[in-house]
Amino acid sequence: MRIKISRKEAKESAYWLRLIYETSNSKNSHDTQGLIQEANELKKILSSILEKSK
């Protein structure tokens, strides 16, 4: 159950980071893209754990 919650949180984090990236004219766009990629990788890892635990 905790893995599902963690996956949901990673998904939500990726959403908010994408929103920040798309609406911001900041010079930190490279950093934001890296964080989005990390959130997506976490989602994939957590999804894999969920599939293997079934």
Protein backbone atom coordinates (compact mmCIF):
# COMPACT_ATOMS: atom_id res chain seq x y z
CA MET A 1 0.00 0.00 0.00
CA ARG A 2 2.84 2.41 0.75
CA ILE A 3 4.30 1.81 -2.69
CA LYS A 4 1.02 2.92 -4.28
CA ILE A 5 1.04 6.09 -2.22
CA SER A 6 4.66 6.75 -3.14
CA ARG A 7 3.89 6.24 -6.82
CA LYS A 8 0.96 8.63 -6.58
CA GLU A 9 3.17 11.24 -4.91
CA ALA A 10 5.82 10.88 -7.63
CA LYS A 11 3.12 11.30 -10.28
CA GLU A 12 1.80 14.41 -8.56
CA SER A 13 5.31 15.84 -8.21
CA ALA A 14 5.95 15.32 -11.91
CA TYR A 15 2.67 17.09 -12.69
CA TRP A 16 3.52 20.15 -10.61
CA LEU A 17 7.06 20.30 -11.95
CA ARG A 18 5.75 20.21 -15.53
CA LEU A 19 3.32 22.97 -14.65
CA ILE A 20 6.11 25.10 -13.19
CA TYR A 21 8.32 24.40 -16.21
CA GLU A 22 5.64 25.35 -18.74
CA THR A 23 4.51 28.53 -16.98
CA SER A 24 7.87 29.85 -15.85
CA ASN A 25 10.31 31.95 -17.81
CA SER A 26 12.98 31.08 -15.30
CA LYS A 27 16.58 30.36 -16.13
CA ASN A 28 16.33 27.19 -14.01
CA SER A 29 14.51 25.29 -16.74
CA HIS A 30 17.39 22.81 -17.05
CA ASP A 31 17.12 21.99 -13.34
CA THR A 32 13.36 21.60 -13.63
CA GLN A 33 13.70 19.21 -16.57
CA GLY A 34 16.10 17.09 -14.53
CA LEU A 35 13.64 16.94 -11.65
CA ILE A 36 10.80 15.97 -13.99
CA GLN A 37 12.93 13.16 -15.39
CA GLU A 38 13.75 11.92 -11.89
CA ALA A 39 10.08 11.94 -10.90
CA ASN A 40 9.22 9.93 -14.01
CA GLU A 41 11.98 7.44 -13.26
CA LEU A 42 10.67 7.04 -9.71
CA LYS A 43 7.18 6.38 -11.09
CA LYS A 44 8.59 3.65 -13.34
CA ILE A 45 10.57 2.06 -10.50
CA LEU A 46 7.60 2.09 -8.14
CA SER A 47 5.30 0.70 -10.83
CA SER A 48 7.75 -2.12 -11.46
CA ILE A 49 7.84 -2.95 -7.76
CA LEU A 50 4.04 -3.03 -7.65
CA GLU A 51 3.85 -5.35 -10.66
CA LYS A 52 6.41 -7.75 -9.21
CA SER A 53 4.73 -7.85 -5.81
CA LYS A 54 1.41 -9.08 -7.20
